[in-house]
Amino acid sequence: MTDAVGSIDVPDAQDEAPESKRARKGGKRGKKGPLGRLALFYRQIVAELRKVVWPTRSQLTTYTSVVIVFVVIMIGIVMVIDYGFNQAAKYIFG
């Protein structure tokens, strides 16, 4: 039977060598103790943080001011809605 275009060829279980399963047992974690795994974890954290593109001071100032303005606007909207509900409750319930 021919494969369809774009299909993924998955090997059968009998095609797989039994040695490949034994070779992967444990991996890097199997050889290290808890302190070694903890050190590996922190090294990976530092490596990921080096990949981060940090904003410049001007970008950070812009982003901060946009967030502050947005929060102030949302506070105003919530205050107006709250005041309206308060006045409606006073009108209805006396």
PDB file of N, CA and C in Angstrom:
ATOM      1  N   MET A   1       0.837  -1.168   0.000  1.00  0.00           N
ATOM      2  CA  MET A   1       0.000   0.000   0.000  1.00  0.00           C
ATOM      3  C   MET A   1       0.884   1.235   0.000  1.00  0.00           C
ATOM      4  N   THR A   2       0.544   2.238  -0.787  1.00  0.00           N
ATOM      5  CA  THR A   2       1.359   3.437  -0.866  1.00  0.00           C
ATOM      6  C   THR A   2       0.909   4.431   0.195  1.00  0.00           C
ATOM      7  N   ASP A   3       1.853   5.227   0.663  1.00  0.00           N
ATOM      8  CA  ASP A   3       1.540   6.248   1.656  1.00  0.00           C
ATOM      9  C   ASP A   3       0.890   7.436   0.986  1.00  0.00           C
ATOM     10  N   ALA A   4      -0.025   8.060   1.687  1.00  0.00           N
ATOM     11  CA  ALA A   4      -0.664   9.268   1.179  1.00  0.00           C
ATOM     12  C   ALA A   4       0.313  10.435   1.298  1.00  0.00           C
ATOM     13  N   VAL A   5       0.084  11.455   0.522  1.00  0.00           N
ATOM     14  CA  VAL A   5       0.947  12.624   0.561  1.00  0.00           C
ATOM     15  C   VAL A   5       0.824  13.281   1.927  1.00  0.00           C
ATOM     16  N   GLY A   6       1.950  13.534   2.578  1.00  0.00           N
ATOM     17  CA  GLY A   6       1.949  14.194   3.870  1.00  0.00           C
ATOM     18  C   GLY A   6       1.745  13.242   5.027  1.00  0.00           C
ATOM     19  N   SER A   7       1.690  11.956   4.797  1.00  0.00           N
ATOM     20  CA  SER A   7       1.491  11.027   5.905  1.00  0.00           C
ATOM     21  C   SER A   7       2.797  10.835   6.659  1.00  0.00           C
ATOM     22  N   ILE A   8       2.666  10.415   7.883  1.00  0.00           N
ATOM     23  CA  ILE A   8       3.834  10.190   8.726  1.00  0.00           C
ATOM     24  C   ILE A   8       4.042   8.697   8.833  1.00  0.00           C
ATOM     25  N   ASP A   9       5.246   8.252   8.535  1.00  0.00           N
ATOM     26  CA  ASP A   9       5.564   6.838   8.597  1.00  0.00           C
ATOM     27  C   ASP A   9       5.911   6.474  10.036  1.00  0.00           C
ATOM     28  N   VAL A  10       5.104   5.615  10.637  1.00  0.00           N
ATOM     29  CA  VAL A  10       5.333   5.169  12.008  1.00  0.00           C
ATOM     30  C   VAL A  10       5.872   3.749  11.943  1.00  0.00           C
ATOM     31  N   PRO A  11       7.042   3.496  12.561  1.00  0.00           N
ATOM     32  CA  PRO A  11       7.600   2.146  12.494  1.00  0.00           C
ATOM     33  C   PRO A  11       6.761   1.165  13.320  1.00  0.00           C
ATOM     34  N   ASP A  12       6.724  -0.072  12.861  1.00  0.00           N
ATOM     35  CA  ASP A  12       6.018  -1.113  13.599  1.00  0.00           C
ATOM     36  C   ASP A  12       6.819  -1.483  14.837  1.00  0.00           C
ATOM     37  N   ALA A  13       6.155  -2.123  15.787  1.00  0.00           N
ATOM     38  CA  ALA A  13       6.816  -2.508  17.032  1.00  0.00           C
ATOM     39  C   ALA A  13       7.918  -3.530  16.778  1.00  0.00           C
ATOM     40  N   GLN A  14       7.729  -4.395  15.766  1.00  0.00           N
ATOM     41  CA  GLN A  14       8.731  -5.419  15.498  1.00  0.00           C
ATOM     42  C   GLN A  14       9.972  -4.849  14.817  1.00  0.00           C
ATOM     43  N   ASP A  15       9.863  -3.673  14.170  1.00  0.00           N
ATOM     44  CA  ASP A  15      11.007  -3.052  13.516  1.00  0.00           C
ATOM     45  C   ASP A  15      11.944  -2.404  14.528  1.00  0.00           C
ATOM     46  N   GLU A  16      11.454  -2.114  15.714  1.00  0.00           N
ATOM     47  CA  GLU A  16      12.237  -1.408  16.711  1.00  0.00           C
ATOM     48  C   GLU A  16      13.200  -2.377  17.379  1.00  0.00           C
ATOM     49  N   ALA A  17      14.432  -1.947  17.566  1.00  0.00           N
ATOM     50  CA  ALA A  17      15.435  -2.794  18.197  1.00  0.00           C
ATOM     51  C   ALA A  17      15.231  -2.792  19.707  1.00  0.00           C
ATOM     52  N   PRO A  18      15.310  -3.949  20.368  1.00  0.00           N
ATOM     53  CA  PRO A  18      15.111  -3.990  21.813  1.00  0.00           C
ATOM     54  C   PRO A  18      16.232  -3.290  22.585  1.00  0.00           C
ATOM     55  N   GLU A  19      17.423  -3.161  21.972  1.00  0.00           N
ATOM     56  CA  GLU A  19      18.538  -2.499  22.647  1.00  0.00           C
ATOM     57  C   GLU A  19      18.278  -1.013  22.838  1.00  0.00           C
ATOM     58  N   SER A  20      17.474  -0.394  21.944  1.00  0.00           N
ATOM     59  CA  SER A  20      17.239   1.039  22.037  1.00  0.00           C
ATOM     60  C   SER A  20      16.457   1.387  23.297  1.00  0.00           C
ATOM     61  N   LYS A  21      15.612   0.467  23.765  1.00  0.00           N
ATOM     62  CA  LYS A  21      14.850   0.736  24.975  1.00  0.00           C
ATOM     63  C   LYS A  21      15.755   0.672  26.202  1.00  0.00           C
ATOM     64  N   ARG A  22      16.701  -0.255  26.212  1.00  0.00           N
ATOM     65  CA  ARG A  22      17.593  -0.386  27.356  1.00  0.00           C
ATOM     66  C   ARG A  22      18.608   0.746  27.413  1.00  0.00           C
ATOM     67  N   ALA A  23      18.982   1.300  26.284  1.00  0.00           N
ATOM     68  CA  ALA A  23      20.012   2.340  26.264  1.00  0.00           C
ATOM     69  C   ALA A  23      19.495   3.648  26.860  1.00  0.00           C
ATOM     70  N   ARG A  24      18.189   3.885  26.804  1.00  0.00           N
ATOM     71  CA  ARG A  24      17.641   5.151  27.290  1.00  0.00           C
ATOM     72  C   ARG A  24      17.204   5.087  28.754  1.00  0.00           C
ATOM     73  N   LYS A  25      17.351   3.952  29.392  1.00  0.00           N
ATOM     74  CA  LYS A  25      16.860   3.821  30.756  1.00  0.00           C
ATOM     75  C   LYS A  25      17.626   4.751  31.692  1.00  0.00           C
ATOM     76  N   GLY A  26      16.884   5.596  32.382  1.00  0.00           N
ATOM     77  CA  GLY A  26      17.514   6.496  33.343  1.00  0.00           C
ATOM     78  C   GLY A  26      17.852   7.838  32.750  1.00  0.00           C
ATOM     79  N   GLY A  27      18.559   7.860  31.658  1.00  0.00           N
ATOM     80  CA  GLY A  27      18.968   9.127  31.054  1.00  0.00           C
ATOM     81  C   GLY A  27      19.920   9.890  31.952  1.00  0.00           C
ATOM     82  N   LYS A  28      19.921  11.220  31.831  1.00  0.00           N
ATOM     83  CA  LYS A  28      20.793  12.058  32.649  1.00  0.00           C
ATOM     84  C   LYS A  28      20.370  12.031  34.113  1.00  0.00           C
ATOM     85  N   ARG A  29      19.058  11.951  34.346  1.00  0.00           N
ATOM     86  CA  ARG A  29      18.561  12.014  35.717  1.00  0.00           C
ATOM     87  C   ARG A  29      18.897  10.765  36.509  1.00  0.00           C
ATOM     88  N   GLY A  30      19.054   9.654  35.846  1.00  0.00           N
ATOM     89  CA  GLY A  30      19.344   8.425  36.550  1.00  0.00           C
ATOM     90  C   GLY A  30      20.725   8.410  37.170  1.00  0.00           C
ATOM     91  N   LYS A  31      21.636   9.200  36.665  1.00  0.00           N
ATOM     92  CA  LYS A  31      23.022   9.188  37.122  1.00  0.00           C
ATOM     93  C   LYS A  31      23.302  10.240  38.186  1.00  0.00           C
ATOM     94  N   LYS A  32      22.390  11.202  38.396  1.00  0.00           N
ATOM     95  CA  LYS A  32      22.639  12.295  39.319  1.00  0.00           C
ATOM     96  C   LYS A  32      21.743  12.158  40.537  1.00  0.00           C
ATOM     97  N   GLY A  33      22.231  12.648  41.659  1.00  0.00           N
ATOM     98  CA  GLY A  33      21.430  12.657  42.867  1.00  0.00           C
ATOM     99  C   GLY A  33      20.528  13.877  42.885  1.00  0.00           C
ATOM    100  N   PRO A  34      19.846  14.083  44.000  1.00  0.00           N
ATOM    101  CA  PRO A  34      18.924  15.227  44.091  1.00  0.00           C
ATOM    102  C   PRO A  34      19.631  16.573  43.962  1.00  0.00           C
ATOM    103  N   LEU A  35      20.839  16.688  44.497  1.00  0.00           N
ATOM    104  CA  LEU A  35      21.564  17.958  44.379  1.00  0.00           C
ATOM    105  C   LEU A  35      22.018  18.208  42.945  1.00  0.00           C
ATOM    106  N   GLY A  36      22.381  17.162  42.249  1.00  0.00           N
ATOM    107  CA  GLY A  36      22.763  17.306  40.850  1.00  0.00           C
ATOM    108  C   GLY A  36      21.597  17.731  39.990  1.00  0.00           C
ATOM    109  N   ARG A  37      20.416  17.172  40.269  1.00  0.00           N
ATOM    110  CA  ARG A  37      19.222  17.568  39.517  1.00  0.00           C
ATOM    111  C   ARG A  37      18.838  19.003  39.827  1.00  0.00           C
ATOM    112  N   LEU A  38      18.997  19.419  41.091  1.00  0.00           N
ATOM    113  CA  LEU A  38      18.694  20.792  41.464  1.00  0.00           C
ATOM    114  C   LEU A  38      19.647  21.764  40.765  1.00  0.00           C
ATOM    115  N   ALA A  39      20.933  21.410  40.710  1.00  0.00           N
ATOM    116  CA  ALA A  39      21.906  22.256  40.016  1.00  0.00           C
ATOM    117  C   ALA A  39      21.581  22.337  38.528  1.00  0.00           C
ATOM    118  N   LEU A  40      21.183  21.218  37.926  1.00  0.00           N
ATOM    119  CA  LEU A  40      20.794  21.213  36.513  1.00  0.00           C
ATOM    120  C   LEU A  40      19.583  22.103  36.288  1.00  0.00           C
ATOM    121  N   PHE A  41      18.628  22.065  37.211  1.00  0.00           N
ATOM    122  CA  PHE A  41      17.434  22.897  37.110  1.00  0.00           C
ATOM    123  C   PHE A  41      17.808  24.377  37.112  1.00  0.00           C
ATOM    124  N   TYR A  42      18.669  24.790  38.026  1.00  0.00           N
ATOM    125  CA  TYR A  42      19.073  26.196  38.085  1.00  0.00           C
ATOM    126  C   TYR A  42      19.905  26.612  36.872  1.00  0.00           C
ATOM    127  N   ARG A  43      20.722  25.716  36.351  1.00  0.00           N
ATOM    128  CA  ARG A  43      21.474  26.037  35.127  1.00  0.00           C
ATOM    129  C   ARG A  43      20.528  26.233  33.953  1.00  0.00           C
ATOM    130  N   GLN A  44      19.466  25.435  33.893  1.00  0.00           N
ATOM    131  CA  GLN A  44      18.488  25.588  32.822  1.00  0.00           C
ATOM    132  C   GLN A  44      17.708  26.887  32.968  1.00  0.00           C
ATOM    133  N   ILE A  45      17.427  27.292  34.201  1.00  0.00           N
ATOM    134  CA  ILE A  45      16.747  28.570  34.427  1.00  0.00           C
ATOM    135  C   ILE A  45      17.610  29.718  33.922  1.00  0.00           C
ATOM    136  N   VAL A  46      18.888  29.716  34.266  1.00  0.00           N
ATOM    137  CA  VAL A  46      19.790  30.787  33.833  1.00  0.00           C
ATOM    138  C   VAL A  46      19.900  30.796  32.313  1.00  0.00           C
ATOM    139  N   ALA A  47      19.959  29.627  31.702  1.00  0.00           N
ATOM    140  CA  ALA A  47      20.051  29.557  30.242  1.00  0.00           C
ATOM    141  C   ALA A  47      18.793  30.123  29.586  1.00  0.00           C
ATOM    142  N   GLU A  48      17.628  29.848  30.153  1.00  0.00           N
ATOM    143  CA  GLU A  48      16.390  30.391  29.589  1.00  0.00           C
ATOM    144  C   GLU A  48      16.304  31.902  29.786  1.00  0.00           C
ATOM    145  N   LEU A  49      16.754  32.393  30.934  1.00  0.00           N
ATOM    146  CA  LEU A  49      16.714  33.837  31.170  1.00  0.00           C
ATOM    147  C   LEU A  49      17.659  34.595  30.238  1.00  0.00           C
ATOM    148  N   ARG A  50      18.721  33.954  29.795  1.00  0.00           N
ATOM    149  CA  ARG A  50      19.623  34.615  28.839  1.00  0.00           C
ATOM    150  C   ARG A  50      18.988  34.744  27.460  1.00  0.00           C
ATOM    151  N   LYS A  51      17.995  33.906  27.165  1.00  0.00           N
ATOM    152  CA  LYS A  51      17.319  33.974  25.870  1.00  0.00           C
ATOM    153  C   LYS A  51      16.275  35.081  25.817  1.00  0.00           C
ATOM    154  N   VAL A  52      15.874  35.601  26.978  1.00  0.00           N
ATOM    155  CA  VAL A  52      14.812  36.602  27.041  1.00  0.00           C
ATOM    156  C   VAL A  52      15.301  37.913  26.444  1.00  0.00           C
ATOM    157  N   VAL A  53      14.447  38.535  25.640  1.00  0.00           N
ATOM    158  CA  VAL A  53      14.750  39.863  25.099  1.00  0.00           C
ATOM    159  C   VAL A  53      14.176  40.867  26.084  1.00  0.00           C
ATOM    160  N   TRP A  54      15.050  41.496  26.867  1.00  0.00           N
ATOM    161  CA  TRP A  54      14.619  42.423  27.901  1.00  0.00           C
ATOM    162  C   TRP A  54      14.319  43.780  27.277  1.00  0.00           C
ATOM    163  N   PRO A  55      13.271  44.473  27.761  1.00  0.00           N
ATOM    164  CA  PRO A  55      12.932  45.789  27.199  1.00  0.00           C
ATOM    165  C   PRO A  55      13.949  46.846  27.618  1.00  0.00           C
ATOM    166  N   THR A  56      14.079  47.879  26.775  1.00  0.00           N
ATOM    167  CA  THR A  56      14.954  48.991  27.122  1.00  0.00           C
ATOM    168  C   THR A  56      14.246  49.865  28.159  1.00  0.00           C
ATOM    169  N   ARG A  57      14.953  50.838  28.693  1.00  0.00           N
ATOM    170  CA  ARG A  57      14.375  51.716  29.711  1.00  0.00           C
ATOM    171  C   ARG A  57      13.198  52.507  29.143  1.00  0.00           C
ATOM    172  N   SER A  58      13.323  52.987  27.908  1.00  0.00           N
ATOM    173  CA  SER A  58      12.227  53.762  27.320  1.00  0.00           C
ATOM    174  C   SER A  58      11.003  52.879  27.056  1.00  0.00           C
ATOM    175  N   GLN A  59      11.223  51.643  26.597  1.00  0.00           N
ATOM    176  CA  GLN A  59      10.104  50.730  26.396  1.00  0.00           C
ATOM    177  C   GLN A  59       9.419  50.410  27.723  1.00  0.00           C
ATOM    178  N   LEU A  60      10.216  50.197  28.751  1.00  0.00           N
ATOM    179  CA  LEU A  60       9.659  49.887  30.060  1.00  0.00           C
ATOM    180  C   LEU A  60       8.848  51.052  30.606  1.00  0.00           C
ATOM    181  N   THR A  61       9.345  52.281  30.397  1.00  0.00           N
ATOM    182  CA  THR A  61       8.609  53.471  30.831  1.00  0.00           C
ATOM    183  C   THR A  61       7.291  53.583  30.068  1.00  0.00           C
ATOM    184  N   THR A  62       7.328  53.346  28.767  1.00  0.00           N
ATOM    185  CA  THR A  62       6.113  53.409  27.951  1.00  0.00           C
ATOM    186  C   THR A  62       5.105  52.362  28.395  1.00  0.00           C
ATOM    187  N   TYR A  63       5.545  51.119  28.558  1.00  0.00           N
ATOM    188  CA  TYR A  63       4.645  50.043  28.972  1.00  0.00           C
ATOM    189  C   TYR A  63       4.041  50.321  30.344  1.00  0.00           C
ATOM    190  N   THR A  64       4.861  50.831  31.266  1.00  0.00           N
ATOM    191  CA  THR A  64       4.377  51.126  32.608  1.00  0.00           C
ATOM    192  C   THR A  64       3.324  52.221  32.578  1.00  0.00           C
ATOM    193  N   SER A  65       3.576  53.275  31.801  1.00  0.00           N
ATOM    194  CA  SER A  65       2.598  54.365  31.739  1.00  0.00           C
ATOM    195  C   SER A  65       1.298  53.902  31.079  1.00  0.00           C
ATOM    196  N   VAL A  66       1.375  53.051  30.080  1.00  0.00           N
ATOM    197  CA  VAL A  66       0.168  52.527  29.440  1.00  0.00           C
ATOM    198  C   VAL A  66      -0.644  51.705  30.439  1.00  0.00           C
ATOM    199  N   VAL A  67       0.018  50.889  31.228  1.00  0.00           N
ATOM    200  CA  VAL A  67      -0.681  50.075  32.224  1.00  0.00           C
ATOM    201  C   VAL A  67      -1.322  50.952  33.284  1.00  0.00           C
ATOM    202  N   ILE A  68      -0.611  51.974  33.763  1.00  0.00           N
ATOM    203  CA  ILE A  68      -1.161  52.860  34.794  1.00  0.00           C
ATOM    204  C   ILE A  68      -2.379  53.612  34.256  1.00  0.00           C
ATOM    205  N   VAL A  69      -2.290  54.127  33.030  1.00  0.00           N
ATOM    206  CA  VAL A  69      -3.424  54.839  32.437  1.00  0.00           C
ATOM    207  C   VAL A  69      -4.610  53.896  32.279  1.00  0.00           C
ATOM    208  N   PHE A  70      -4.380  52.678  31.812  1.00  0.00           N
ATOM    209  CA  PHE A  70      -5.459  51.706  31.647  1.00  0.00           C
ATOM    210  C   PHE A  70      -6.123  51.388  32.988  1.00  0.00           C
ATOM    211  N   VAL A  71      -5.329  51.200  34.025  1.00  0.00           N
ATOM    212  CA  VAL A  71      -5.880  50.883  35.342  1.00  0.00           C
ATOM    213  C   VAL A  71      -6.699  52.058  35.872  1.00  0.00           C
ATOM    214  N   VAL A  72      -6.217  53.288  35.682  1.00  0.00           N
ATOM    215  CA  VAL A  72      -6.961  54.463  36.140  1.00  0.00           C
ATOM    216  C   VAL A  72      -8.295  54.561  35.401  1.00  0.00           C
ATOM    217  N   ILE A  73      -8.299  54.314  34.100  1.00  0.00           N
ATOM    218  CA  ILE A  73      -9.541  54.345  33.328  1.00  0.00           C
ATOM    219  C   ILE A  73     -10.506  53.267  33.817  1.00  0.00           C
ATOM    220  N   MET A  74     -10.007  52.063  34.054  1.00  0.00           N
ATOM    221  CA  MET A  74     -10.870  50.988  34.541  1.00  0.00           C
ATOM    222  C   MET A  74     -11.421  51.303  35.926  1.00  0.00           C
ATOM    223  N   ILE A  75     -10.613  51.926  36.800  1.00  0.00           N
ATOM    224  CA  ILE A  75     -11.101  52.329  38.122  1.00  0.00           C
ATOM    225  C   ILE A  75     -12.232  53.334  37.969  1.00  0.00           C
ATOM    226  N   GLY A  76     -12.086  54.287  37.058  1.00  0.00           N
ATOM    227  CA  GLY A  76     -13.143  55.265  36.814  1.00  0.00           C
ATOM    228  C   GLY A  76     -14.423  54.621  36.332  1.00  0.00           C
ATOM    229  N   ILE A  77     -14.310  53.671  35.404  1.00  0.00           N
ATOM    230  CA  ILE A  77     -15.501  53.000  34.883  1.00  0.00           C
ATOM    231  C   ILE A  77     -16.208  52.219  35.989  1.00  0.00           C
ATOM    232  N   VAL A  78     -15.436  51.496  36.795  1.00  0.00           N
ATOM    233  CA  VAL A  78     -16.025  50.709  37.880  1.00  0.00           C
ATOM    234  C   VAL A  78     -16.666  51.636  38.916  1.00  0.00           C
ATOM    235  N   MET A  79     -16.049  52.782  39.202  1.00  0.00           N
ATOM    236  CA  MET A  79     -16.628  53.734  40.154  1.00  0.00           C
ATOM    237  C   MET A  79     -17.964  54.268  39.657  1.00  0.00           C
ATOM    238  N   VAL A  80     -18.031  54.608  38.369  1.00  0.00           N
ATOM    239  CA  VAL A  80     -19.278  55.127  37.802  1.00  0.00           C
ATOM    240  C   VAL A  80     -20.375  54.064  37.854  1.00  0.00           C
ATOM    241  N   ILE A  81     -20.044  52.833  37.476  1.00  0.00           N
ATOM    242  CA  ILE A  81     -21.029  51.755  37.518  1.00  0.00           C
ATOM    243  C   ILE A  81     -21.470  51.493  38.956  1.00  0.00           C
ATOM    244  N   ASP A  82     -20.528  51.489  39.894  1.00  0.00           N
ATOM    245  CA  ASP A  82     -20.858  51.267  41.302  1.00  0.00           C
ATOM    246  C   ASP A  82     -21.755  52.387  41.834  1.00  0.00           C
ATOM    247  N   TYR A  83     -21.449  53.617  41.491  1.00  0.00           N
ATOM    248  CA  TYR A  83     -22.272  54.746  41.927  1.00  0.00           C
ATOM    249  C   TYR A  83     -23.688  54.626  41.355  1.00  0.00           C
ATOM    250  N   GLY A  84     -23.786  54.219  40.104  1.00  0.00           N
ATOM    251  CA  GLY A  84     -25.100  54.040  39.478  1.00  0.00           C
ATOM    252  C   GLY A  84     -25.908  52.956  40.165  1.00  0.00           C
ATOM    253  N   PHE A  85     -25.283  51.814  40.447  1.00  0.00           N
ATOM    254  CA  PHE A  85     -25.992  50.747  41.159  1.00  0.00           C
ATOM    255  C   PHE A  85     -26.391  51.190  42.564  1.00  0.00           C
ATOM    256  N   ASN A  86     -25.524  51.958  43.216  1.00  0.00           N
ATOM    257  CA  ASN A  86     -25.817  52.459  44.552  1.00  0.00           C
ATOM    258  C   ASN A  86     -27.053  53.365  44.530  1.00  0.00           C
ATOM    259  N   GLN A  87     -27.094  54.273  43.573  1.00  0.00           N
ATOM    260  CA  GLN A  87     -28.240  55.182  43.475  1.00  0.00           C
ATOM    261  C   GLN A  87     -29.515  54.420  43.095  1.00  0.00           C
ATOM    262  N   ALA A  88     -29.390  53.429  42.234  1.00  0.00           N
ATOM    263  CA  ALA A  88     -30.560  52.615  41.851  1.00  0.00           C
ATOM    264  C   ALA A  88     -31.079  51.834  43.047  1.00  0.00           C
ATOM    265  N   ALA A  89     -30.183  51.276  43.856  1.00  0.00           N
ATOM    266  CA  ALA A  89     -30.613  50.521  45.041  1.00  0.00           C
ATOM    267  C   ALA A  89     -31.284  51.451  46.045  1.00  0.00           C
ATOM    268  N   LYS A  90     -30.744  52.668  46.211  1.00  0.00           N
ATOM    269  CA  LYS A  90     -31.374  53.629  47.130  1.00  0.00           C
ATOM    270  C   LYS A  90     -32.768  54.033  46.630  1.00  0.00           C
ATOM    271  N   TYR A  91     -32.924  54.186  45.338  1.00  0.00           N
ATOM    272  CA  TYR A  91     -34.210  54.573  44.760  1.00  0.00           C
ATOM    273  C   TYR A  91     -35.241  53.455  44.918  1.00  0.00           C
ATOM    274  N   ILE A  92     -34.803  52.203  44.672  1.00  0.00           N
ATOM    275  CA  ILE A  92     -35.729  51.078  44.712  1.00  0.00           C
ATOM    276  C   ILE A  92     -36.100  50.735  46.159  1.00  0.00           C
ATOM    277  N   PHE A  93     -35.092  50.655  47.032  1.00  0.00           N
ATOM    278  CA  PHE A  93     -35.337  50.167  48.385  1.00  0.00           C
ATOM    279  C   PHE A  93     -35.536  51.283  49.414  1.00  0.00           C
ATOM    280  N   GLY A  94     -35.447  52.518  48.994  1.00  0.00           N
ATOM    281  CA  GLY A  94     -35.842  53.596  49.855  1.00  0.00           C
ATOM    282  C   GLY A  94     -34.797  54.367  50.482  1.00  0.00           C
TER     283      GLY A  94
END
